[in-house]
Each structure stands twice: as C-alpha cells, then as structure tokens.
C-alpha cells in the first residue's frame, strides 16, 4: 500500500512539473513565479518520494 502511494506521489510530482513549465512560458510575471514555485515543490516531492521508495525496496 505504501509503495502505491509513493508511486502516486511521483506521478503527481511529474504532473506538477508539467504545469509549472507551462506557467513559466506565460508572459505574466506572477504566473512565472507560480510556475517556478510549482517546479520547486514538485522537485521536493519527487526527491522525498523516490528516497522513501528506495528505502522500502
């Protein structure tokens, strides 16, 4: 069960990175900063999820 939740969080982080990159390409400064924040959050979630996933395996 825990492994499945870790995989779901990895997939969610990848989706969050995709939305963040999409926001960076917008001309508005606010959307660019939101995109950067989304990417940083996704990288953090991805790192923690993969680290815990390898501990479990």
C-alpha atoms as a PDB file:
ATOM      1  CA  UNK A   1       0.000   0.000   0.000  1.00  0.00           C
ATOM      2  CA  UNK A   2       2.806   2.405   0.896  1.00  0.00           C
ATOM      3  CA  UNK A   3       4.608   1.684  -2.359  1.00  0.00           C
ATOM      4  CA  UNK A   4       1.466   2.500  -4.323  1.00  0.00           C
ATOM      5  CA  UNK A   5       1.107   5.822  -2.500  1.00  0.00           C
ATOM      6  CA  UNK A   6       4.750   6.629  -3.225  1.00  0.00           C
ATOM      7  CA  UNK A   7       4.234   5.897  -6.918  1.00  0.00           C
ATOM      8  CA  UNK A   8       1.132   8.098  -6.970  1.00  0.00           C
ATOM      9  CA  UNK A   9       3.110  10.954  -5.417  1.00  0.00           C
ATOM     10  CA  UNK A  10       5.841  10.514  -8.063  1.00  0.00           C
ATOM     11  CA  UNK A  11       3.232  10.730 -10.811  1.00  0.00           C
ATOM     12  CA  UNK A  12       1.666  13.786  -9.147  1.00  0.00           C
ATOM     13  CA  UNK A  13       5.087  15.454  -8.984  1.00  0.00           C
ATOM     14  CA  UNK A  14       5.646  14.836 -12.696  1.00  0.00           C
ATOM     15  CA  UNK A  15       2.252  16.384 -13.469  1.00  0.00           C
ATOM     16  CA  UNK A  16       3.099  19.345 -11.229  1.00  0.00           C
ATOM     17  CA  UNK A  17       6.369  19.857 -13.106  1.00  0.00           C
ATOM     18  CA  UNK A  18       4.423  19.851 -16.374  1.00  0.00           C
ATOM     19  CA  UNK A  19       2.034  22.543 -15.137  1.00  0.00           C
ATOM     20  CA  UNK A  20       4.929  24.567 -13.752  1.00  0.00           C
ATOM     21  CA  UNK A  21       6.769  24.551 -17.060  1.00  0.00           C
ATOM     22  CA  UNK A  22       3.561  25.596 -18.789  1.00  0.00           C
ATOM     23  CA  UNK A  23       3.213  28.579 -16.415  1.00  0.00           C
ATOM     24  CA  UNK A  24       6.817  29.653 -16.989  1.00  0.00           C
ATOM     25  CA  UNK A  25       6.063  30.171 -20.670  1.00  0.00           C
ATOM     26  CA  UNK A  26       3.317  32.726 -19.854  1.00  0.00           C
ATOM     27  CA  UNK A  27       4.079  36.433 -20.313  1.00  0.00           C
ATOM     28  CA  UNK A  28       2.787  37.425 -16.856  1.00  0.00           C
ATOM     29  CA  UNK A  29       5.402  37.769 -14.097  1.00  0.00           C
ATOM     30  CA  UNK A  30       3.046  36.343 -11.474  1.00  0.00           C
ATOM     31  CA  UNK A  31       2.430  33.187 -13.494  1.00  0.00           C
ATOM     32  CA  UNK A  32       6.162  32.757 -13.992  1.00  0.00           C
ATOM     33  CA  UNK A  33       6.756  32.855 -10.238  1.00  0.00           C
ATOM     34  CA  UNK A  34       3.864  30.462  -9.663  1.00  0.00           C
ATOM     35  CA  UNK A  35       5.419  28.125 -12.234  1.00  0.00           C
ATOM     36  CA  UNK A  36       8.814  28.310 -10.523  1.00  0.00           C
ATOM     37  CA  UNK A  37       7.191  27.561  -7.158  1.00  0.00           C
ATOM     38  CA  UNK A  38       5.317  24.594  -8.652  1.00  0.00           C
ATOM     39  CA  UNK A  39       8.508  23.180 -10.119  1.00  0.00           C
ATOM     40  CA  UNK A  40      10.417  23.573  -6.857  1.00  0.00           C
ATOM     41  CA  UNK A  41       7.591  21.911  -4.916  1.00  0.00           C
ATOM     42  CA  UNK A  42       7.437  19.081  -7.438  1.00  0.00           C
ATOM     43  CA  UNK A  43      11.195  18.503  -7.230  1.00  0.00           C
ATOM     44  CA  UNK A  44      10.951  18.331  -3.435  1.00  0.00           C
ATOM     45  CA  UNK A  45       8.034  15.888  -3.566  1.00  0.00           C
ATOM     46  CA  UNK A  46       9.797  13.824  -6.218  1.00  0.00           C
ATOM     47  CA  UNK A  47      13.015  13.657  -4.194  1.00  0.00           C
ATOM     48  CA  UNK A  48      11.293  12.653  -0.964  1.00  0.00           C
ATOM     49  CA  UNK A  49       9.054  10.106  -2.672  1.00  0.00           C
ATOM     50  CA  UNK A  50      11.857   8.407  -4.553  1.00  0.00           C
ATOM     51  CA  UNK A  51      14.081   8.413  -1.469  1.00  0.00           C
ATOM     52  CA  UNK A  52      11.361   6.720   0.599  1.00  0.00           C
ATOM     53  CA  UNK A  53      10.531   4.342  -2.236  1.00  0.00           C
ATOM     54  CA  UNK A  54      14.123   3.096  -2.432  1.00  0.00           C
ATOM     55  CA  UNK A  55      14.210   2.700   1.361  1.00  0.00           C
ATOM     56  CA  UNK A  56      11.138   0.462   1.158  1.00  0.00           C
ATOM     57  CA  UNK A  57      12.597  -1.675  -1.633  1.00  0.00           C
END
